[in-house]
Amino acid sequence: MKQTAYELLALLDRNLRESVNLFKRLAECPGQRSDVLTPLSNEVQYVRAQAGFEVTTEASDFEQEQATHWSRIHHKYEMWLRDPDDVFLDAEERDEQRKKQGLPPRIVILPWSAEEEEKLLAARRAQAAKKRQAKRTRASSPKAIVERRKK
């Protein structure tokens, strides 16, 4: 089984920490120069910290790219699941929150009637038909025919 960068970094960190502990124990032995061993121990600590920084920086970039990619896919799925009429429920909920805070409402939800909506749609269709008819009439007028011939 292939080890991941995280596993290898943990193993390296553990071994370098053990090396630092060995340097400390060695410096405590009689006749050893702690003024030389302590800076060497510090160098090992520096190498441990630098290795951790480099590996986690690269891993962080990879993890950030993965998070961004999967976040986009998750967001598309959430939007696919969402009912378009949920915005009305969200608006009502937000309006209730504003009322509890003593703020005025930002939206007014008008009463809905299927009959009224059908009348409105029928009026729009009639208006569009009227415009189409007027356009046809203008296109077939004698003046329009003369102008087309000139072109």
Protein backbone atom coordinates (compact mmCIF):
# COMPACT_ATOMS: atom_id res chain seq x y z
CA MET A 1 0.00 0.00 0.00
CA LYS A 2 1.28 3.44 -0.96
CA GLN A 3 1.67 5.89 1.91
CA THR A 4 0.22 9.38 1.62
CA ALA A 5 2.19 12.57 2.09
CA TYR A 6 0.43 13.08 5.43
CA GLU A 7 1.48 9.66 6.70
CA LEU A 8 5.07 10.16 5.59
CA LEU A 9 5.17 13.64 7.13
CA ALA A 10 3.88 12.26 10.43
CA LEU A 11 6.53 9.54 10.36
CA LEU A 12 9.28 12.07 9.56
CA ASP A 13 8.03 14.41 12.28
CA ARG A 14 7.99 11.61 14.85
CA ASN A 15 11.53 10.49 13.96
CA LEU A 16 12.95 14.03 13.96
CA ARG A 17 11.33 14.73 17.34
CA GLU A 18 12.94 11.54 18.61
CA SER A 19 16.29 12.79 17.23
CA VAL A 20 15.86 16.06 19.14
CA ASN A 21 15.15 14.10 22.32
CA LEU A 22 18.28 12.00 21.71
CA PHE A 23 20.35 15.18 21.30
CA LYS A 24 19.00 16.44 24.65
CA ARG A 25 19.83 13.16 26.36
CA LEU A 26 23.27 13.14 24.73
CA ALA A 27 23.92 16.71 25.94
CA GLU A 28 23.11 15.58 29.51
CA CYS A 29 25.77 12.86 29.39
CA PRO A 30 28.95 13.68 31.28
CA GLY A 31 31.77 15.08 29.18
CA GLN A 32 29.55 16.15 26.23
CA ARG A 33 29.48 19.72 25.00
CA SER A 34 25.92 20.98 25.21
CA ASP A 35 27.00 24.28 23.58
CA VAL A 36 27.60 22.29 20.37
CA LEU A 37 24.79 19.73 20.68
CA THR A 38 22.03 22.26 21.41
CA PRO A 39 22.54 24.22 18.15
CA LEU A 40 22.61 20.89 16.26
CA SER A 41 19.34 19.97 17.95
CA ASN A 42 17.94 23.35 16.87
CA GLU A 43 18.96 22.60 13.28
CA VAL A 44 17.04 19.32 13.40
CA GLN A 45 14.01 21.24 14.76
CA TYR A 46 14.38 23.72 11.88
CA VAL A 47 14.51 20.90 9.31
CA ARG A 48 11.44 19.28 10.90
CA ALA A 49 9.48 22.54 10.82
CA GLN A 50 10.57 23.40 7.27
CA ALA A 51 9.65 19.95 5.97
CA GLY A 52 6.24 20.22 7.62
CA PHE A 53 5.68 23.64 6.09
CA GLU A 54 6.66 22.56 2.57
CA VAL A 55 4.61 19.37 2.58
CA THR A 56 1.50 20.95 4.08
CA THR A 57 1.69 23.94 1.71
CA GLU A 58 1.65 21.64 -1.31
CA ALA A 59 -1.02 19.46 0.24
CA SER A 60 -3.05 22.54 1.14
CA ASP A 61 -3.05 23.72 -2.48
CA PHE A 62 -4.23 20.28 -3.60
CA GLU A 63 -6.90 20.14 -0.89
CA GLN A 64 -8.10 23.65 -1.80
CA GLU A 65 -8.48 22.65 -5.47
CA GLN A 66 -10.39 19.52 -4.44
CA ALA A 67 -12.64 21.49 -2.10
CA THR A 68 -13.42 24.04 -4.81
CA HIS A 69 -14.16 21.37 -7.40
CA TRP A 70 -16.47 19.33 -5.18
CA SER A 71 -18.09 22.44 -3.75
CA ARG A 72 -19.20 23.45 -7.24
CA ILE A 73 -20.64 20.00 -7.88
CA HIS A 74 -22.41 20.03 -4.51
CA HIS A 75 -23.85 23.49 -5.20
CA LYS A 76 -25.22 22.36 -8.59
CA TYR A 77 -26.84 19.37 -6.91
CA GLU A 78 -28.36 21.58 -4.21
CA MET A 79 -29.78 23.90 -6.87
CA TRP A 80 -31.18 20.90 -8.75
CA LEU A 81 -32.94 19.71 -5.59
CA ARG A 82 -34.28 23.13 -4.68
CA ASP A 83 -37.90 23.93 -5.43
CA PRO A 84 -38.18 27.31 -7.20
CA ASP A 85 -41.09 28.22 -4.92
CA ASP A 86 -38.85 27.88 -1.84
CA VAL A 87 -37.85 31.52 -2.31
CA PHE A 88 -41.31 32.52 -1.14
CA LEU A 89 -40.95 30.43 2.01
CA ASP A 90 -37.50 31.92 2.62
CA ALA A 91 -38.89 35.43 2.13
CA GLU A 92 -41.72 34.81 4.58
CA GLU A 93 -39.28 33.37 7.12
CA ARG A 94 -36.98 36.38 6.75
CA ASP A 95 -39.94 38.72 7.11
CA GLU A 96 -40.90 36.98 10.38
CA GLN A 97 -37.34 37.42 11.64
CA ARG A 98 -37.49 41.12 10.82
CA LYS A 99 -40.82 41.45 12.68
CA LYS A 100 -39.28 39.80 15.78
CA GLN A 101 -36.42 42.33 15.61
CA GLY A 102 -38.91 45.18 15.39
CA LEU A 103 -37.94 46.06 11.81
CA PRO A 104 -40.43 46.94 9.09
CA PRO A 105 -41.14 44.34 6.40
CA ARG A 106 -39.11 44.60 3.21
CA ILE A 107 -41.56 42.68 1.08
CA VAL A 108 -45.28 42.60 0.64
CA ILE A 109 -46.79 39.32 -0.40
CA LEU A 110 -49.89 40.00 -2.44
CA PRO A 111 -52.85 37.64 -2.36
CA TRP A 112 -52.88 35.33 -5.35
CA SER A 113 -55.89 34.40 -7.38
CA ALA A 114 -55.86 31.97 -10.30
CA GLU A 115 -58.72 33.87 -11.96
CA GLU A 116 -56.89 37.19 -11.75
CA GLU A 117 -53.71 35.66 -13.13
CA GLU A 118 -55.61 34.07 -16.03
CA LYS A 119 -57.22 37.44 -16.83
CA LEU A 120 -53.81 39.11 -16.81
CA LEU A 121 -52.31 36.46 -19.09
CA ALA A 122 -55.29 36.68 -21.48
CA ALA A 123 -54.89 40.47 -21.65
CA ARG A 124 -51.19 40.10 -22.45
CA ARG A 125 -51.93 37.55 -25.18
CA ALA A 126 -54.58 39.83 -26.69
CA GLN A 127 -52.18 42.78 -26.65
CA ALA A 128 -49.44 40.71 -28.35
CA ALA A 129 -51.94 39.54 -31.01
CA LYS A 130 -53.02 43.13 -31.59
CA LYS A 131 -49.38 44.21 -32.12
CA ARG A 132 -48.80 41.35 -34.59
CA GLN A 133 -51.92 42.31 -36.53
CA ALA A 134 -50.88 45.97 -36.65
CA LYS A 135 -47.44 44.97 -37.92
CA ARG A 136 -48.99 42.85 -40.69
CA THR A 137 -51.29 45.68 -41.69
CA ARG A 138 -48.42 48.15 -41.89
CA ALA A 139 -46.33 45.72 -43.95
CA SER A 140 -49.09 45.28 -46.55
CA SER A 141 -50.09 48.93 -46.82
CA PRO A 142 -49.58 50.64 -50.23
CA LYS A 143 -47.04 53.00 -48.72
CA ALA A 144 -44.96 50.06 -47.35
CA ILE A 145 -45.11 48.27 -50.72
CA VAL A 146 -43.81 51.37 -52.56
CA GLU A 147 -40.96 51.75 -50.05
CA ARG A 148 -39.93 48.11 -50.46
CA ARG A 149 -39.80 48.50 -54.24
CA LYS A 150 -37.52 51.52 -53.91
CA LYS A 151 -34.99 49.43 -51.98
